[in-house]
Amino acid sequence: MVPRTVFEDGGALIAIERNLVFLVQRERPTSDHLRALRLAYDAALAAHPDGVALLMVVTSQHWMPAFSDELREETAKLVRGTETGSLGSAFVLGGRGLFSSTLRAFLSTLFLVAGSREPYAVFADVESAAPWLAGVASRSAPWRVEDVLKASQRVLLDAHVGSAARH
């Protein structure tokens, strides 16, 4: 099982494994990241019409949401556009204190404002997210907790290696 990278730039890496879409956000999100995420979601859903799940991992402690009107609009489109077929989304926001609290509050508000009906959860690490995500994603394709962990670790390694190669 090797997740397939479908998008990468200095700020993000997006990969797909079966019905699970991975987003590693290394810097502030851009409209390009959101559009690429939507394309990845659509590709995964075409292959798995019973549903797709998302794992987003924010790796930078210096990333703070500062969304322009364009980015807010793209985010709302993404949320609305991925509700069909969405099994759920897990957000991993490591760290403590104001950063994590602010980002968790922002994401909760975003889903509330966008009217999201999909299940979502916020976690401090991938190990905590894996059981929840395996349960959600398994409604469309078989996932064991250890499979989610292995795929996640591979994507995070690819994101780290890709980021290091640019510096």
C-alpha atoms as a PDB file:
ATOM      1  CA  MET A   1       0.000   0.000   0.000  1.00  0.00           C
ATOM      2  CA  VAL A   2       1.642   3.202  -1.227  1.00  0.00           C
ATOM      3  CA  PRO A   3      -0.407   6.398  -1.357  1.00  0.00           C
ATOM      4  CA  ARG A   4      -0.202   8.137  -4.727  1.00  0.00           C
ATOM      5  CA  THR A   5       0.836  11.804  -4.609  1.00  0.00           C
ATOM      6  CA  VAL A   6      -1.453  13.848  -6.864  1.00  0.00           C
ATOM      7  CA  PHE A   7      -0.318  17.381  -5.954  1.00  0.00           C
ATOM      8  CA  GLU A   8       2.695  18.921  -4.292  1.00  0.00           C
ATOM      9  CA  ASP A   9       4.169  22.361  -3.929  1.00  0.00           C
ATOM     10  CA  GLY A  10       6.087  24.105  -1.157  1.00  0.00           C
ATOM     11  CA  GLY A  11       2.958  24.537   0.930  1.00  0.00           C
ATOM     12  CA  ALA A  12       1.056  21.274   0.604  1.00  0.00           C
ATOM     13  CA  LEU A  13       1.093  17.644  -0.463  1.00  0.00           C
ATOM     14  CA  ILE A  14      -2.071  15.788  -1.479  1.00  0.00           C
ATOM     15  CA  ALA A  15      -2.156  12.014  -1.893  1.00  0.00           C
ATOM     16  CA  ILE A  16      -4.766   9.296  -2.390  1.00  0.00           C
ATOM     17  CA  GLU A  17      -4.864   5.715  -1.127  1.00  0.00           C
ATOM     18  CA  ARG A  18      -8.061   3.803  -1.932  1.00  0.00           C
ATOM     19  CA  ASN A  19     -10.910   5.983  -0.635  1.00  0.00           C
ATOM     20  CA  LEU A  20      -8.749   8.091   1.668  1.00  0.00           C
ATOM     21  CA  VAL A  21      -7.456  11.507   0.608  1.00  0.00           C
ATOM     22  CA  PHE A  22      -4.491  12.909   2.535  1.00  0.00           C
ATOM     23  CA  LEU A  23      -3.627  16.600   2.757  1.00  0.00           C
ATOM     24  CA  VAL A  24      -0.412  17.636   4.475  1.00  0.00           C
ATOM     25  CA  GLN A  25      -0.568  21.412   4.874  1.00  0.00           C
ATOM     26  CA  ARG A  26       2.954  22.789   5.405  1.00  0.00           C
ATOM     27  CA  GLU A  27       2.127  26.471   4.986  1.00  0.00           C
ATOM     28  CA  ARG A  28      -0.935  28.666   4.728  1.00  0.00           C
ATOM     29  CA  PRO A  29      -3.461  27.200   2.319  1.00  0.00           C
ATOM     30  CA  THR A  30      -3.856  28.746  -1.107  1.00  0.00           C
ATOM     31  CA  SER A  31      -6.652  28.612  -3.643  1.00  0.00           C
ATOM     32  CA  ASP A  32      -4.473  26.215  -5.676  1.00  0.00           C
ATOM     33  CA  HIS A  33      -4.320  23.835  -2.694  1.00  0.00           C
ATOM     34  CA  LEU A  34      -8.088  23.862  -2.302  1.00  0.00           C
ATOM     35  CA  ARG A  35      -8.708  23.321  -6.006  1.00  0.00           C
ATOM     36  CA  ALA A  36      -6.191  20.435  -6.044  1.00  0.00           C
ATOM     37  CA  LEU A  37      -7.867  18.933  -2.987  1.00  0.00           C
ATOM     38  CA  ARG A  38     -11.235  19.066  -4.741  1.00  0.00           C
ATOM     39  CA  LEU A  39      -9.759  17.320  -7.808  1.00  0.00           C
ATOM     40  CA  ALA A  40      -8.218  14.622  -5.596  1.00  0.00           C
ATOM     41  CA  TYR A  41     -11.522  14.159  -3.783  1.00  0.00           C
ATOM     42  CA  ASP A  42     -13.394  13.847  -7.082  1.00  0.00           C
ATOM     43  CA  ALA A  43     -10.846  11.294  -8.376  1.00  0.00           C
ATOM     44  CA  ALA A  44     -11.122   9.203  -5.208  1.00  0.00           C
ATOM     45  CA  LEU A  45     -14.924   9.391  -5.313  1.00  0.00           C
ATOM     46  CA  ALA A  46     -14.970   8.267  -8.962  1.00  0.00           C
ATOM     47  CA  ALA A  47     -13.016   5.161  -7.927  1.00  0.00           C
ATOM     48  CA  HIS A  48     -15.007   4.680  -4.691  1.00  0.00           C
ATOM     49  CA  PRO A  49     -18.581   5.905  -5.240  1.00  0.00           C
ATOM     50  CA  ASP A  50     -19.619   4.615  -1.806  1.00  0.00           C
ATOM     51  CA  GLY A  51     -17.631   7.402  -0.185  1.00  0.00           C
ATOM     52  CA  VAL A  52     -14.352   9.136   0.524  1.00  0.00           C
ATOM     53  CA  ALA A  53     -12.699  10.246   3.766  1.00  0.00           C
ATOM     54  CA  LEU A  54     -10.116  12.993   4.319  1.00  0.00           C
ATOM     55  CA  LEU A  55      -7.131  13.259   6.642  1.00  0.00           C
ATOM     56  CA  MET A  56      -5.637  16.749   6.900  1.00  0.00           C
ATOM     57  CA  VAL A  57      -2.410  17.164   8.850  1.00  0.00           C
ATOM     58  CA  VAL A  58      -1.095  20.655   9.603  1.00  0.00           C
ATOM     59  CA  THR A  59       2.668  20.410  10.109  1.00  0.00           C
ATOM     60  CA  SER A  60       3.675  24.036  10.709  1.00  0.00           C
ATOM     61  CA  GLN A  61       3.256  25.610  14.116  1.00  0.00           C
ATOM     62  CA  HIS A  62       3.557  29.019  12.431  1.00  0.00           C
ATOM     63  CA  TRP A  63       0.579  28.516  10.152  1.00  0.00           C
ATOM     64  CA  MET A  64      -2.315  30.730  11.162  1.00  0.00           C
ATOM     65  CA  PRO A  65      -5.516  31.137   9.183  1.00  0.00           C
ATOM     66  CA  ALA A  66      -5.523  34.473   7.375  1.00  0.00           C
ATOM     67  CA  PHE A  67      -8.019  33.888   4.618  1.00  0.00           C
ATOM     68  CA  SER A  68      -8.654  36.340   1.817  1.00  0.00           C
ATOM     69  CA  ASP A  69     -12.139  36.628   0.355  1.00  0.00           C
ATOM     70  CA  GLU A  70     -11.021  34.389  -2.537  1.00  0.00           C
ATOM     71  CA  LEU A  71      -9.748  31.731  -0.144  1.00  0.00           C
ATOM     72  CA  ARG A  72     -12.918  31.859   1.961  1.00  0.00           C
ATOM     73  CA  GLU A  73     -14.976  31.432  -1.204  1.00  0.00           C
ATOM     74  CA  GLU A  74     -12.844  28.478  -2.396  1.00  0.00           C
ATOM     75  CA  THR A  75     -13.094  26.889   1.052  1.00  0.00           C
ATOM     76  CA  ALA A  76     -16.875  27.204   1.102  1.00  0.00           C
ATOM     77  CA  LYS A  77     -17.040  25.702  -2.419  1.00  0.00           C
ATOM     78  CA  LEU A  78     -14.814  22.824  -1.322  1.00  0.00           C
ATOM     79  CA  VAL A  79     -16.907  22.084   1.748  1.00  0.00           C
ATOM     80  CA  ARG A  80     -20.191  22.231  -0.158  1.00  0.00           C
ATOM     81  CA  GLY A  81     -18.777  20.319  -3.141  1.00  0.00           C
ATOM     82  CA  THR A  82     -17.420  17.430  -1.113  1.00  0.00           C
ATOM     83  CA  GLU A  83     -20.480  16.733   1.000  1.00  0.00           C
ATOM     84  CA  THR A  84     -21.777  14.266  -1.579  1.00  0.00           C
ATOM     85  CA  GLY A  85     -19.913  11.060  -0.933  1.00  0.00           C
ATOM     86  CA  SER A  86     -18.019  12.356   2.087  1.00  0.00           C
ATOM     87  CA  LEU A  87     -17.676   9.821   4.855  1.00  0.00           C
ATOM     88  CA  GLY A  88     -15.915  12.258   7.175  1.00  0.00           C
ATOM     89  CA  SER A  89     -12.807  14.335   7.745  1.00  0.00           C
ATOM     90  CA  ALA A  90     -10.125  14.121  10.411  1.00  0.00           C
ATOM     91  CA  PHE A  91      -7.937  17.135  11.130  1.00  0.00           C
ATOM     92  CA  VAL A  92      -4.628  16.655  12.917  1.00  0.00           C
ATOM     93  CA  LEU A  93      -3.391  19.838  14.545  1.00  0.00           C
ATOM     94  CA  GLY A  94      -0.388  19.074  16.685  1.00  0.00           C
ATOM     95  CA  GLY A  95       0.880  21.419  19.329  1.00  0.00           C
ATOM     96  CA  ARG A  96      -0.570  23.073  22.367  1.00  0.00           C
ATOM     97  CA  GLY A  97      -1.811  26.435  23.393  1.00  0.00           C
ATOM     98  CA  LEU A  98      -3.184  29.300  21.377  1.00  0.00           C
ATOM     99  CA  PHE A  99      -2.191  27.956  17.943  1.00  0.00           C
ATOM    100  CA  SER A 100      -4.121  24.718  18.255  1.00  0.00           C
ATOM    101  CA  SER A 101      -7.078  26.290  20.032  1.00  0.00           C
ATOM    102  CA  THR A 102      -7.386  29.037  17.416  1.00  0.00           C
ATOM    103  CA  LEU A 103      -7.192  26.628  14.508  1.00  0.00           C
ATOM    104  CA  ARG A 104      -9.676  24.195  16.044  1.00  0.00           C
ATOM    105  CA  ALA A 105     -12.121  27.042  16.670  1.00  0.00           C
ATOM    106  CA  PHE A 106     -11.594  28.332  13.124  1.00  0.00           C
ATOM    107  CA  LEU A 107     -12.275  24.922  11.562  1.00  0.00           C
ATOM    108  CA  SER A 108     -15.369  24.348  13.676  1.00  0.00           C
ATOM    109  CA  THR A 109     -16.692  27.783  12.698  1.00  0.00           C
ATOM    110  CA  LEU A 110     -15.906  27.171   9.033  1.00  0.00           C
ATOM    111  CA  PHE A 111     -17.895  23.935   8.977  1.00  0.00           C
ATOM    112  CA  LEU A 112     -20.750  25.539  10.873  1.00  0.00           C
ATOM    113  CA  VAL A 113     -20.922  28.548   8.516  1.00  0.00           C
ATOM    114  CA  ALA A 114     -20.583  26.374   5.408  1.00  0.00           C
ATOM    115  CA  GLY A 115     -23.366  24.142   6.689  1.00  0.00           C
ATOM    116  CA  SER A 116     -21.327  20.939   6.589  1.00  0.00           C
ATOM    117  CA  ARG A 117     -23.262  17.797   7.450  1.00  0.00           C
ATOM    118  CA  GLU A 118     -20.328  15.408   7.266  1.00  0.00           C
ATOM    119  CA  PRO A 119     -18.770  14.004  10.422  1.00  0.00           C
ATOM    120  CA  TYR A 120     -15.459  15.570  11.327  1.00  0.00           C
ATOM    121  CA  ALA A 121     -13.098  15.430  14.257  1.00  0.00           C
ATOM    122  CA  VAL A 122      -9.960  17.268  15.330  1.00  0.00           C
ATOM    123  CA  PHE A 123      -7.016  15.406  16.841  1.00  0.00           C
ATOM    124  CA  ALA A 124      -3.600  16.245  18.284  1.00  0.00           C
ATOM    125  CA  ASP A 125      -1.791  13.456  16.382  1.00  0.00           C
ATOM    126  CA  VAL A 126      -2.252  10.859  13.655  1.00  0.00           C
ATOM    127  CA  GLU A 127      -2.170   8.004  16.168  1.00  0.00           C
ATOM    128  CA  SER A 128      -5.280   9.422  17.853  1.00  0.00           C
ATOM    129  CA  ALA A 129      -7.029  10.070  14.536  1.00  0.00           C
ATOM    130  CA  ALA A 130      -6.367   6.626  13.003  1.00  0.00           C
ATOM    131  CA  PRO A 131      -9.060   4.607  14.850  1.00  0.00           C
ATOM    132  CA  TRP A 132     -11.755   7.203  14.107  1.00  0.00           C
ATOM    133  CA  LEU A 133     -10.676   7.537  10.479  1.00  0.00           C
ATOM    134  CA  ALA A 134     -10.446   3.769   9.933  1.00  0.00           C
ATOM    135  CA  GLY A 135     -14.007   3.420  11.191  1.00  0.00           C
ATOM    136  CA  VAL A 136     -15.305   6.211   8.966  1.00  0.00           C
ATOM    137  CA  ALA A 137     -13.406   5.174   5.818  1.00  0.00           C
ATOM    138  CA  SER A 138     -14.312   1.488   6.250  1.00  0.00           C
ATOM    139  CA  ARG A 139     -17.890   2.221   5.272  1.00  0.00           C
ATOM    140  CA  SER A 140     -16.631   2.329   1.657  1.00  0.00           C
ATOM    141  CA  ALA A 141     -13.371   0.320   1.605  1.00  0.00           C
ATOM    142  CA  PRO A 142     -11.762  -1.949   4.199  1.00  0.00           C
ATOM    143  CA  TRP A 143      -9.359  -0.066   6.494  1.00  0.00           C
ATOM    144  CA  ARG A 144      -7.628  -1.298   9.609  1.00  0.00           C
ATOM    145  CA  VAL A 145      -6.165   1.170  12.093  1.00  0.00           C
ATOM    146  CA  GLU A 146      -2.649  -0.024  11.271  1.00  0.00           C
ATOM    147  CA  ASP A 147      -3.321   0.521   7.531  1.00  0.00           C
ATOM    148  CA  VAL A 148      -4.342   4.124   8.187  1.00  0.00           C
ATOM    149  CA  LEU A 149      -1.220   4.633  10.307  1.00  0.00           C
ATOM    150  CA  LYS A 150       1.114   3.144   7.674  1.00  0.00           C
ATOM    151  CA  ALA A 151      -0.409   5.154   4.831  1.00  0.00           C
ATOM    152  CA  SER A 152      -0.344   8.328   6.935  1.00  0.00           C
ATOM    153  CA  GLN A 153       3.280   7.806   7.909  1.00  0.00           C
ATOM    154  CA  ARG A 154       4.234   7.280   4.269  1.00  0.00           C
ATOM    155  CA  VAL A 155       2.463  10.490   3.195  1.00  0.00           C
ATOM    156  CA  LEU A 156       4.043  12.456   6.056  1.00  0.00           C
ATOM    157  CA  LEU A 157       7.477  11.096   5.118  1.00  0.00           C
ATOM    158  CA  ASP A 158       6.935  12.050   1.467  1.00  0.00           C
ATOM    159  CA  ALA A 159       5.821  15.531   2.553  1.00  0.00           C
ATOM    160  CA  HIS A 160       8.890  15.932   4.763  1.00  0.00           C
ATOM    161  CA  VAL A 161      11.290  14.683   2.071  1.00  0.00           C
ATOM    162  CA  GLY A 162       9.669  16.912  -0.563  1.00  0.00           C
ATOM    163  CA  SER A 163       9.891  19.913   1.729  1.00  0.00           C
ATOM    164  CA  ALA A 164      13.533  19.208   2.619  1.00  0.00           C
ATOM    165  CA  ALA A 165      14.475  18.839  -1.056  1.00  0.00           C
ATOM    166  CA  ARG A 166      13.285  22.391  -1.706  1.00  0.00           C
ATOM    167  CA  HIS A 167      15.477  23.890   1.022  1.00  0.00           C
END
